[in-house]
Structure formats: structure tokens, C-alpha cells
Amino acid sequence: MSESDSMGAAYEQRHVHEVYESIAAHFSQTRYKPWPIVAEFLDQQPAGSLGLDVGSGNGKYLHGHNVTNKLNKGRPSDPSQQVGVGGRPPGQALQDEPRYFLLGLDRSVSLLSLSQHIHSEPELVQGDCLSLPFRSNLSFDFAISIATLHHLSTPQRRLAAVKLLLSSVKPTLPQRIGRILIFVWAQEQGEKSRRKWAKGTLLPAPHLDISTSQSETDLENLSNLQDVLVPWVLNHHPSGEKSSAEGTKTYNRYYHLFCEGELIQLVQAAAESMKLPFRPFHTNPDQKPPPQYSQQKDWCLIKRHGWEADNWWVEVELGTTG
């Protein structure tokens, strides 16, 4: 491990991992609604496919069409007495819903412990996005990394994480296509965003050597910063007691805010370092790979990308012609 990598790991331990261990329960209460594009991506995965959620947090994406859903919990063994889903017979409901297996991976033990659900017991693994705890011959059909990469504090560590994502997904028969969805916080914030310098919800990261006591006239310059701390105020009062300054503690989480195009460039850099032919945009989903791809066993392209609700996202497609 290089000196810069070691320093980055130590910085993230203090400003990311220790913070999440401290705020896990409160944080989980605010993270329960799946983002539409992520839900859509998961809905499109073929039945029987194997997926990985890198940075699964409290597991909010592990309970949809995951085969770990306890659909038959508490149901009568006689099919004639079972109640269908949405008015449909049980058998039809199962046929209508794609079934995949999605494994959750997170660094935080506290968040993993909150990932169990009344209707689902997902498979969980404690691990790091920079060191996936799987054998090299284990691969996935798809992967998601939602609001995780922006917690890595150096370009080298972010690049390494994307390379691991690309290497963990292997195109398999019959589709010969693997897919990855990545979401990160955006530097470009909408008018209604709560992530604003003026609102005190963003602070310059201390390793940038910039004072956190900037005046209103400095906000324009601050808005160009990409490495920030986001305060999380936790009330330590017992339930029912009125909060006060003495009963609260502020935890600062580190974020790298991605600017427009940066996430795509990161994926491209990762693909090229792995000698994967890269295509920035897939304008026609039905279009076959260009001729030069047919001479390569594997290739990588951007199927979709965009900005949504103060986040940049990209859907990566991995294919094989061999």
C-alpha cells in the first residue's frame, strides 16, 4: 500500500467508517425509499441472475425481487388457500415477478445488522469496496454501487473501486451481457437541494487546508470545491426528552462531489487500464458492437447515464463476443 493510499484509508476510517458506525440507526431511518432508476434497473435483471450490491447500507435494495424474499412466510401449504399478490393467483404472481439473487456487501457492521426485513432475510457479507471478499473465480451477472464511491478520498482509490466492480461482473450465457449501475453525489446541485454551502450542510474537507468559517461572499468559490464534509447531527437524549445543544453530537462524513462527466471518465479510465475496449455511449440498445469489438473477447460501454436528484449516475454494460 502506497503512502497516499494508506493516508486515504486512515482518513476514510475517521470520516466515513467510524461515522456510519455511530449514526447507523438514525441514518437507516432516513434511508428507506428506493431511488426510481435503481428500482427500474433491478426490475430489468433476468430471472435467475446473481447480483452484488456494493455498499448496501441498510439493505433497502435487497428486498424487492430478491429470491430471499419470504413470499411463503405464514402462508397455508394448500395452494387453494393461499392469497395472491395484488389480486393475482400466487402462481401467476411468481411468474410475473423476475427473480434474482442479490447479495449485500457493506463495511459497516451496524448497517448490516439493520438490513434484515420482516419480509426478507437477505444474504449479507461484511467487506470493503476496495477488497471484495470473494474468490477470483466467482463472478456476478450484475452489480450496483449506490452512494458509495463518493466516500473514497483519492482518485486512485476511486479508480481501484471501479476496476473491482468491472472485474466482478462477467458476461454469461445466454445474454452474454453484464450490467453495473453506479450512483454518486453531484457537485451540480438543484435549486431545492439540501446540500448547500449557504445552508451549512457542506463544509470544506480539512485536508484541503481551507477554513470552514467562510463568509457569504466566499460561497461562489466554495461551490467549486469537490471534497467536502457533510455534518450529521445526532441527538443523544433518551426518547421523549427535549433536545438541546448539550445532548447532540455532530459527525462529519467525507464526500467527493463528482462534476459533470467525471463518473464516465472514471469508468473509461478503469476499463482502459484493464485493456477493455471502451465505448462512451450506447445510442441504440439493439445495435451490435462495432467491428473492432468483434475482434475482442470482452468490451465495455455506457448504456445510459444522467443526473437525477443531485446525483450523477451511469449504467455500464459489459459484453463478450467470445
Protein backbone atom coordinates (compact mmCIF):
# COMPACT_ATOMS: atom_id res chain seq x y z
CA MET A 1 0.00 0.00 0.00
CA SER A 2 1.44 3.37 -1.03
CA GLU A 3 1.74 6.27 1.40
CA SER A 4 -1.11 8.19 -0.26
CA ASP A 5 -3.31 5.09 -0.22
CA SER A 6 -2.52 4.49 3.43
CA MET A 7 -3.35 8.10 4.27
CA GLY A 8 -6.59 7.86 2.30
CA ALA A 9 -7.60 4.71 4.15
CA ALA A 10 -6.91 6.33 7.52
CA TYR A 11 -8.83 9.45 6.53
CA GLU A 12 -11.85 7.38 5.45
CA GLN A 13 -11.69 5.33 8.62
CA ARG A 14 -12.15 8.51 10.64
CA HIS A 15 -14.52 10.46 8.40
CA VAL A 16 -16.58 7.64 6.87
CA HIS A 17 -16.47 4.26 8.60
CA GLU A 18 -16.43 5.42 12.22
CA VAL A 19 -19.18 7.92 11.43
CA TYR A 20 -21.51 5.32 9.96
CA GLU A 21 -20.97 3.00 12.91
CA SER A 22 -22.06 5.87 15.19
CA ILE A 23 -25.08 7.09 13.22
CA ALA A 24 -26.28 3.80 11.70
CA ALA A 25 -29.65 3.54 13.45
CA HIS A 26 -30.60 7.18 12.86
CA PHE A 27 -29.24 7.10 9.31
CA SER A 28 -31.24 3.98 8.47
CA GLN A 29 -34.48 5.67 9.49
CA THR A 30 -33.96 8.23 6.71
CA ARG A 31 -32.99 5.69 4.01
CA TYR A 32 -35.99 3.53 3.22
CA LYS A 33 -37.33 4.61 -0.20
CA PRO A 34 -35.57 3.10 -3.26
CA TRP A 35 -34.48 5.57 -5.93
CA PRO A 36 -36.58 5.08 -9.12
CA ILE A 37 -33.70 4.47 -11.53
CA VAL A 38 -32.18 1.87 -9.21
CA ALA A 39 -35.53 0.09 -8.81
CA GLU A 40 -36.00 0.13 -12.58
CA PHE A 41 -32.52 -1.30 -13.13
CA LEU A 42 -33.18 -4.15 -10.69
CA ASP A 43 -36.58 -4.88 -12.24
CA GLN A 44 -34.85 -5.43 -15.59
CA GLN A 45 -32.49 -8.15 -14.37
CA PRO A 46 -33.21 -11.60 -15.83
CA ALA A 47 -34.67 -14.34 -13.68
CA GLY A 48 -32.02 -16.48 -12.06
CA SER A 49 -29.29 -13.85 -12.28
CA LEU A 50 -26.79 -13.25 -9.49
CA GLY A 51 -26.16 -9.68 -8.34
CA LEU A 52 -23.96 -7.77 -5.89
CA ASP A 53 -24.85 -4.58 -4.01
CA VAL A 54 -21.52 -2.94 -3.11
CA GLY A 55 -22.19 -0.59 -0.22
CA SER A 56 -25.64 -1.99 0.56
CA GLY A 57 -26.06 0.11 3.72
CA ASN A 58 -29.30 -0.75 5.49
CA GLY A 59 -30.29 -3.07 2.65
CA LYS A 60 -33.11 -1.05 1.12
CA TYR A 61 -32.39 -2.53 -2.33
CA LEU A 62 -32.20 -6.12 -1.10
CA HIS A 63 -35.91 -6.73 -0.57
CA GLY A 64 -37.60 -6.19 -3.95
CA HIS A 65 -37.47 -9.16 -6.32
CA ASN A 66 -34.66 -10.81 -4.41
CA VAL A 67 -35.17 -14.57 -4.02
CA THR A 68 -34.52 -14.12 -0.30
CA ASN A 69 -37.97 -12.53 -0.04
CA LYS A 70 -40.03 -14.74 2.25
CA LEU A 71 -43.06 -14.85 -0.08
CA ASN A 72 -44.39 -18.00 1.53
CA LYS A 73 -43.88 -16.95 5.15
CA GLY A 74 -47.05 -17.74 7.08
CA ARG A 75 -48.96 -18.97 4.02
CA PRO A 76 -51.02 -22.17 4.03
CA SER A 77 -49.39 -25.17 2.36
CA ASP A 78 -52.54 -25.75 0.29
CA PRO A 79 -52.25 -23.50 -2.84
CA SER A 80 -56.04 -23.13 -2.98
CA GLN A 81 -55.95 -21.36 0.39
CA GLN A 82 -53.10 -19.02 -0.48
CA VAL A 83 -53.76 -15.36 -1.17
CA GLY A 84 -52.33 -13.90 -4.36
CA VAL A 85 -50.33 -10.70 -4.78
CA GLY A 86 -52.34 -7.71 -5.98
CA GLY A 87 -55.41 -9.86 -6.63
CA ARG A 88 -53.48 -12.30 -8.83
CA PRO A 89 -53.21 -16.05 -8.12
CA PRO A 90 -49.99 -16.94 -6.27
CA GLY A 91 -48.60 -18.90 -9.21
CA GLN A 92 -49.16 -16.02 -11.63
CA ALA A 93 -47.63 -13.54 -9.19
CA LEU A 94 -44.43 -15.57 -9.08
CA GLN A 95 -44.33 -15.82 -12.87
CA ASP A 96 -44.87 -12.08 -13.31
CA GLU A 97 -42.08 -11.06 -10.97
CA PRO A 98 -38.45 -11.53 -12.08
CA ARG A 99 -36.48 -13.47 -9.53
CA TYR A 100 -32.79 -12.74 -8.94
CA PHE A 101 -30.36 -13.26 -6.09
CA LEU A 102 -28.83 -10.03 -4.77
CA LEU A 103 -26.02 -10.23 -2.24
CA GLY A 104 -25.45 -7.25 0.05
CA LEU A 105 -21.93 -6.10 0.97
CA ASP A 106 -21.04 -3.28 3.34
CA ARG A 107 -18.15 -2.20 5.55
CA SER A 108 -20.42 -1.22 8.46
CA VAL A 109 -21.45 -4.00 10.84
CA SER A 110 -24.08 -1.70 12.34
CA LEU A 111 -25.74 -1.07 8.97
CA LEU A 112 -25.59 -4.76 8.06
CA SER A 113 -27.37 -5.59 11.31
CA LEU A 114 -30.20 -3.28 10.24
CA SER A 115 -30.57 -4.94 6.83
CA GLN A 116 -32.92 -7.68 7.97
CA HIS A 117 -36.53 -7.12 6.99
CA ILE A 118 -39.85 -8.52 8.14
CA HIS A 119 -40.41 -9.99 4.68
CA SER A 120 -36.84 -10.75 3.71
CA GLU A 121 -33.65 -12.24 5.09
CA PRO A 122 -31.01 -11.11 2.58
CA GLU A 123 -27.61 -12.70 2.29
CA LEU A 124 -25.05 -10.26 3.71
CA VAL A 125 -21.27 -10.02 3.68
CA GLN A 126 -19.04 -7.61 5.56
CA GLY A 127 -16.47 -6.27 3.14
CA ASP A 128 -14.87 -3.27 1.52
CA CYS A 129 -15.44 -1.92 -1.98
CA LEU A 130 -11.65 -1.89 -2.40
CA SER A 131 -11.19 -5.51 -1.36
CA LEU A 132 -14.12 -7.73 -2.30
CA PRO A 133 -14.02 -10.88 -0.12
CA PHE A 134 -14.73 -13.37 -2.90
CA ARG A 135 -12.72 -15.96 -4.76
CA SER A 136 -11.37 -14.81 -8.09
CA ASN A 137 -13.46 -17.38 -9.95
CA LEU A 138 -16.73 -16.05 -8.51
CA SER A 139 -18.49 -13.58 -10.77
CA PHE A 140 -21.82 -11.78 -10.86
CA ASP A 141 -24.32 -11.07 -13.62
CA PHE A 142 -24.94 -7.54 -12.40
CA ALA A 143 -23.86 -5.14 -9.66
CA ILE A 144 -24.99 -1.87 -8.12
CA SER A 145 -22.96 0.69 -6.19
CA ILE A 146 -25.28 3.37 -4.85
CA ALA A 147 -23.85 6.36 -2.95
CA THR A 148 -20.60 4.58 -2.11
CA LEU A 149 -17.77 5.64 -4.44
CA HIS A 150 -18.02 9.28 -3.34
CA HIS A 151 -16.74 8.27 0.11
CA LEU A 152 -13.32 7.36 -1.31
CA SER A 153 -10.90 10.23 -0.73
CA THR A 154 -8.38 9.93 -3.58
CA PRO A 155 -8.66 9.49 -7.37
CA GLN A 156 -6.55 6.34 -7.16
CA ARG A 157 -8.88 4.71 -4.64
CA ARG A 158 -11.97 5.62 -6.66
CA LEU A 159 -10.34 4.15 -9.78
CA ALA A 160 -9.44 0.96 -7.94
CA ALA A 161 -13.02 0.56 -6.71
CA VAL A 162 -14.46 0.88 -10.23
CA LYS A 163 -11.92 -1.62 -11.56
CA LEU A 164 -13.07 -4.10 -8.93
CA LEU A 165 -16.69 -3.55 -9.96
CA LEU A 166 -15.85 -4.17 -13.61
CA SER A 167 -13.85 -7.29 -12.79
CA SER A 168 -16.58 -8.72 -10.54
CA VAL A 169 -19.21 -8.76 -13.30
CA LYS A 170 -18.72 -11.33 -16.05
CA PRO A 171 -20.98 -11.56 -19.12
CA THR A 172 -22.57 -15.02 -19.14
CA LEU A 173 -24.78 -17.04 -21.44
CA PRO A 174 -27.36 -16.73 -22.84
CA GLN A 175 -27.33 -12.91 -22.86
CA ARG A 176 -23.53 -12.53 -22.77
CA ILE A 177 -24.19 -9.16 -21.15
CA GLY A 178 -23.35 -7.94 -17.66
CA ARG A 179 -24.54 -4.64 -16.19
CA ILE A 180 -23.42 -2.26 -13.46
CA LEU A 181 -25.27 0.76 -12.04
CA ILE A 182 -23.33 3.44 -10.15
CA PHE A 183 -24.71 6.49 -8.31
CA VAL A 184 -22.62 9.28 -6.75
CA TRP A 185 -23.34 12.71 -5.30
CA ALA A 186 -23.08 15.54 -7.83
CA GLN A 187 -21.27 18.83 -7.49
CA GLU A 188 -24.05 20.37 -9.58
CA GLN A 189 -26.92 20.74 -7.12
CA GLY A 190 -30.53 21.60 -7.93
CA GLU A 191 -32.31 24.68 -6.59
CA LYS A 192 -34.16 22.64 -3.97
CA SER A 193 -31.10 20.71 -2.84
CA ARG A 194 -30.37 20.44 0.87
CA ARG A 195 -26.66 20.06 0.08
CA LYS A 196 -25.77 23.74 0.08
CA TRP A 197 -22.85 25.75 1.43
CA ALA A 198 -25.21 28.54 2.46
CA LYS A 199 -27.32 26.13 4.49
CA GLY A 200 -24.31 24.83 6.39
CA THR A 201 -24.82 21.29 5.12
CA LEU A 202 -21.48 21.27 3.29
CA LEU A 203 -18.08 22.07 4.78
CA PRO A 204 -14.68 22.08 3.07
CA ALA A 205 -12.79 18.88 3.82
CA PRO A 206 -9.96 19.77 6.26
CA HIS A 207 -7.23 18.15 4.19
CA LEU A 208 -7.84 20.90 1.60
CA ASP A 209 -6.45 23.41 4.11
CA ILE A 210 -9.42 25.76 3.70
CA SER A 211 -11.07 27.46 6.63
CA THR A 212 -14.59 26.28 7.44
CA SER A 213 -15.59 29.78 8.59
CA GLN A 214 -16.15 31.24 5.14
CA SER A 215 -18.37 34.28 4.77
CA GLU A 216 -21.36 34.56 2.45
CA THR A 217 -19.21 36.39 -0.11
CA ASP A 218 -17.00 33.33 -0.43
CA LEU A 219 -19.82 30.94 -1.31
CA GLU A 220 -19.19 31.21 -5.05
CA ASN A 221 -15.63 29.98 -4.62
CA LEU A 222 -16.72 27.27 -2.19
CA SER A 223 -19.24 25.92 -4.70
CA ASN A 224 -16.34 24.83 -6.90
CA LEU A 225 -14.93 22.53 -4.24
CA GLN A 226 -15.42 18.81 -4.68
CA ASP A 227 -14.03 17.40 -1.42
CA VAL A 228 -16.41 18.19 1.42
CA LEU A 229 -17.63 17.15 4.83
CA VAL A 230 -21.35 16.70 5.42
CA PRO A 231 -22.44 17.18 9.06
CA TRP A 232 -24.83 14.68 10.64
CA VAL A 233 -26.30 15.90 13.92
CA LEU A 234 -27.28 13.10 16.27
CA ASN A 235 -29.45 13.65 19.32
CA HIS A 236 -28.22 11.54 22.22
CA HIS A 237 -31.15 12.40 24.51
CA PRO A 238 -33.28 9.48 25.69
CA SER A 239 -36.51 9.11 23.74
CA GLY A 240 -39.09 11.69 24.72
CA GLU A 241 -36.68 14.19 26.18
CA LYS A 242 -36.32 17.62 24.62
CA SER A 243 -33.10 18.01 22.67
CA SER A 244 -30.51 20.64 23.47
CA ALA A 245 -27.05 21.57 22.30
CA GLU A 246 -25.58 19.62 25.23
CA GLY A 247 -27.34 16.44 24.11
CA THR A 248 -26.28 16.46 20.48
CA LYS A 249 -23.13 15.48 18.65
CA THR A 250 -22.11 16.33 15.09
CA TYR A 251 -20.40 13.74 12.91
CA ASN A 252 -18.76 14.87 9.67
CA ARG A 253 -18.84 12.43 6.74
CA TYR A 254 -16.42 12.84 3.85
CA TYR A 255 -17.75 13.12 0.27
CA HIS A 256 -16.13 13.70 -3.09
CA LEU A 257 -18.69 15.58 -5.20
CA PHE A 258 -18.48 14.41 -8.81
CA CYS A 259 -18.65 17.06 -11.52
CA GLU A 260 -20.33 16.51 -14.89
CA GLY A 261 -18.57 13.87 -16.95
CA GLU A 262 -16.24 12.78 -14.15
CA LEU A 263 -18.01 9.50 -13.43
CA ILE A 264 -17.97 8.48 -17.10
CA GLN A 265 -14.27 9.37 -17.32
CA LEU A 266 -13.62 7.26 -14.23
CA VAL A 267 -15.34 4.23 -15.79
CA GLN A 268 -13.41 4.78 -19.02
CA ALA A 269 -10.08 5.00 -17.17
CA ALA A 270 -10.88 1.80 -15.28
CA ALA A 271 -11.86 -0.05 -18.45
CA GLU A 272 -8.80 1.09 -20.37
CA SER A 273 -6.46 0.16 -17.53
CA MET A 274 -7.98 -3.34 -17.75
CA LYS A 275 -7.50 -3.30 -21.54
CA LEU A 276 -11.26 -3.42 -22.11
CA PRO A 277 -12.33 -1.71 -25.36
CA PHE A 278 -14.50 1.20 -24.22
CA ARG A 279 -17.37 2.99 -25.93
CA PRO A 280 -18.68 6.15 -24.20
CA PHE A 281 -22.35 5.95 -25.22
CA HIS A 282 -24.67 3.24 -26.43
CA THR A 283 -27.13 5.25 -28.53
CA ASN A 284 -29.07 2.23 -29.82
CA PRO A 285 -29.70 -0.61 -27.34
CA ASP A 286 -30.30 -3.04 -30.24
CA GLN A 287 -27.18 -2.02 -32.12
CA LYS A 288 -24.47 -4.66 -32.38
CA PRO A 289 -20.94 -3.79 -31.24
CA PRO A 290 -18.79 -2.12 -33.93
CA PRO A 291 -16.41 -4.33 -35.97
CA GLN A 292 -13.38 -3.69 -33.78
CA TYR A 293 -15.28 -5.16 -30.83
CA SER A 294 -15.78 -8.46 -32.66
CA GLN A 295 -12.04 -8.96 -32.53
CA GLN A 296 -12.03 -8.60 -28.75
CA LYS A 297 -13.38 -11.14 -26.30
CA ASP A 298 -14.70 -8.54 -23.87
CA TRP A 299 -15.83 -4.92 -24.15
CA CYS A 300 -17.32 -2.14 -22.02
CA LEU A 301 -19.73 0.65 -22.90
CA ILE A 302 -22.00 3.23 -21.31
CA LYS A 303 -25.59 2.16 -21.85
CA ARG A 304 -27.24 5.09 -20.05
CA HIS A 305 -26.16 7.99 -17.87
CA GLY A 306 -27.63 11.11 -16.36
CA TRP A 307 -28.27 13.44 -13.44
CA GLU A 308 -31.13 12.88 -11.02
CA ALA A 309 -31.97 14.46 -7.68
CA ASP A 310 -28.48 15.91 -7.13
CA ASN A 311 -26.72 12.71 -8.19
CA TRP A 312 -24.78 11.58 -11.25
CA TRP A 313 -25.44 8.03 -12.36
CA VAL A 314 -24.19 5.70 -15.07
CA GLU A 315 -25.26 2.27 -16.30
CA VAL A 316 -22.32 0.27 -17.60
CA GLU A 317 -22.72 -2.66 -19.96
CA LEU A 318 -20.10 -5.39 -20.18
CA GLY A 319 -20.26 -7.75 -23.14
CA THR A 320 -18.44 -10.63 -24.67
CA THR A 321 -18.27 -11.80 -28.25
CA GLY A 322 -16.27 -14.89 -27.43
